[in-house]
Amino acid sequence: MVQETSNKMTHLQTLQSTMQWRHVEFEAEMLMDAYSGLLSDQSIILAMNSSFVDPLLQFESQMRILELSFRKIFSLPDLSTVQAMGRNSEDTEVLENLYENIFNMYEDTVIILVSKDFYKIQILKEMVTWINQNKQYLQERAMMVITRVLIFAAKRVRKYPSIDAPCLGLLVAELSLLCSHKNPSIEQQAATGMNYVLYIGMCQNPNIVKQKTGSPSIVETDNTRAIASDFNLLPKNIQGDRDKIAQSVGQILLPTFLTDFVWTLLKKLSSPDDETALEAASLLILTLEYHAQKITMVSKIVDDIYEQLSWNSSHTMKNVLLRVISLLIRASPKKVIFQLMEFPVPADEALLLMWKAASTEPSVAPQVLKTILSILKGKPGEFEEVLIEKRRFSLNATNLMPVAASQALCTFLPVNSYRKVVIKLFPEFLMALMLQLFYCNQLLKDTAQGRSLTLSECNFPQFPETLHYVYKIAVEGPRRSEDSIVTIIFFAELLNNFFKESLPEEFLVLFRNWINDSNPSVSKMSLQKIASMAPVFSKIENVCNLLLPILDAFLSKENTVIIRAMLTLRNILSKLDKASYSAMCVKIASSYCPLMDHVNGGIQCMAIRHFGELLVDMSQCKWMLNHIILGSLVPMILFLESTETKIANACRYTLSICVSQLKWSTSYLLQEENYNFESVVLSICNNIISSYESYITDLISDTLGFLGSSRYFLKRGAIILVGYLGKSGEHLLLRDEIDVMIEVIERVARDEDPLNKILIEKTRQLFKEIAYQIASSTIKQTFRRWVKMFHTKKLKPIYDVANIMKEIMEDLEVNAKDSLEDLANK
């Protein structure tokens, strides 16, 4: 029994020994496979290095092979496991050498690549990334490879300082996170590696005084500790000291590399590994507290924070992200503010949090508010390339940055430090916000509803400064012509509440310029405000200087400007003292005349009525205006027959005032119950003969201008009026003048209207008779004129339009009967 048991134990031991040997063979075979595979990979990688393949494609291919090799060799068992596989010391030594050669070959491959092209030092950054992807990798061994490659790189840069080294910031960031690793060996390797990377960074930075090239041991030895002592840029007890890391990194790296460092840490905040995220957060905040002013990609960082907060409102690192905003705005307020303005409007929860974070830095309140103010002066929907700095606005079809600025202001104003600064910039902010209201169509809408939007009635302490600022803006001219509208509105309101008696001359100049502005909206608004302030403007010493540009506005191509100018003028005239009114009455009256036949019925009607009102106002000075009245008779007479009732009534109203001023007995004929166009014309012409016959030639000339009108009533009235005027002045007319008149009349003789045909023919015959009576001798013509001057006869009806119309109707009736009879017979 005992023997049987002993035999079984022997067989078992033999079996175990056999299995162990086969396991050793398997492990040895695995190492050989790894070695041979790495040897093959190295050959391919180095072959690519000597080829003419595009450098970028070459590097990408090499990286793919290196990554596959990395995952294979750093997944091997650790050294102690390999050592345990040997059956004896000789086997163990063979396995150890093979094992070490595998890692040395990988290291050599990377060193060869870096020596050929220093750009490929970024392989190390990728290696750190691969290390962190799987904790089962031989992380310590991988860090040793990275450190040794960095030793080589540092020595090379020391020898050739002009070498361009990329991705230093990314590599430092990855290594700095490993400086707090739980494994002391990895922590030590990371700190050592950082020394060499920072040395390379120091060589790249021209602003740092370089250490003297010294110990020959750098070239002669490969001992890590010996070399590290010569490259020490970090304190010896750096491990785990984030503060010293942050200070050293910021002092040594160029801004571009430091920005990469910060960017990498920012992205690590979203790491699924909480320890990595917390370490990145600590390093990030410390670095920005010391060196935020060196960061170059501020906009990109702000944009990334917004995306992170928008994607996850309950982000575990939300407070860290917001602290980053605070630190960045402390160092670069304009850059941060402009980037925050790029986000959608209205602001969402993420953006509001960022605005709030930005408001926590009182030291930059002036810069922040001035930046917001510059944006508020922009126009929504407008593209601008320059605002203070050469900073682009959003390239979207609609730029809403000014709207965003308005909303941001709501976040900053409650903060005490910002409120103090706003007080100093109060006028500018007030004006800018009013412009924004205007741009959003709220100002005009509210004004139309009769609700006042200005703050001029509020007793705010900055009133004088506000008035001064608005005046300054008005004098310098706005950025856009439409801005003048808001400036006019607010400036007028300020003046209206501040000046109750009279305005200084310099303010008057502004309104004169606004009236003449090329933008009709600006002209109208200035005229409207002048009208609303008529009591103040009417008391200006040199009021004529204001009235003249208003009269010039009568010539505007924009009808609404003309109407507004006439209404404004009446408002001022109603408040003006008689002396000033009298001084301007002739100029004002003559300005109405060109508008009395305006194509726009509203303008024509208003001009005729206002002319009549002026005559009533200046009744005591009628002798000054008689020549203006006579010069305006033709349009008022002809438009008595207008098909537009309001125009016809305006003509009756003003013409009644005119004939009364001239003391003509025509007024009763203009009354509704007595009105007859030909009778009115006959009466006026008889009065002209007796008092103002020298005006007849000019009146005939004015009337001839209406003969070509396409409007029936104007042509008919002009034919009748020119006939009576011609008869009235037959003794004044020269043969040449009559020939011209006959020629003009004959041009319109082809009129299809039967009444007009008859009237034209009668008028033509009338002028031919006058021409026939005129003797060819100049002496006889002069004699006839003298006789007519002392023996004036009243005119008699020439046309009798009523009878002509009756005859025409009778003829039409007869023709109609004849046509019916012919039709019946057929």
Foldseek 3Di string as FASTA:
>chain_A
DVVVVVVVVVVVVVVVVVVLLVVLVVLVVLLVVLQVLLVVLLVVLVVLVPDPPDVVVSLVVNLVSLLVSQVRLQLRDDLVVNLVSDPDPVSSVVSNVSNVVSLVSSLVSQLVVCVSPVQSLCSLLVLLVSCVVDVSGNNLSSLVSNLLSLLSVLVVCVVVLVHDHPLLLSLLLSLLLQLAPPDVSSVVSSVLSNLSSLSNQQSVDPVDDHDDDDDPCSVVDSDSVVSSVVSDPADPPCRPVLLRSLVSCQVRHQLVSNQSNLVNLLVQCPPPPPSSNVSSLVNNLSNLVNHLLSHDPPLVLLVVLLVVCVVPVVRVCVVSSLLNLCSNCVNVVLSSLLSLLQDDPPDDPSSLSNLLSNLVDLVCLLVNVVSLLQQLLDAWQDWDQDGPHRHGADPDSTGCSNVNSVVSVVSNCVDPSNVVNCVVVVLSVLLSVLVHCVSVVNQVVCVVVVDDPDCLVPPDPCLVVNLVVLLVCLVVDGPDPVSLLSSLVHNLSNCVSPDPAEDDPSVLVSLLVQCVDPDLSSNLSSLVSLLVVLLHLLRYPPSVVNLVSLLVQCPDPDPSSNVSSLSSVVSNVVNHDPVVCVVCLQVNLLSLQVQCVPPDPVSNLSSLQVSQVSCVVVLVVLVVCLVSLLLRPQSLLLCCPPPDPSSVVSSLSSVLSNCVSVVFPQNVCSDPVNDDSLVSLLRVLLSCLVPPLVCLLVSLVVLLVQCPPPDPSSNQSSLSNNLSSCVSCLLPDDLVSLVVVLVSLVVSCPDPDPLSNVSSVLSNVSSVVSNVPQDPDPVVSVVSSVVCSVVPDRDDDRRPSVVVVVVVVVVVVVVVVVVVVVVVVD
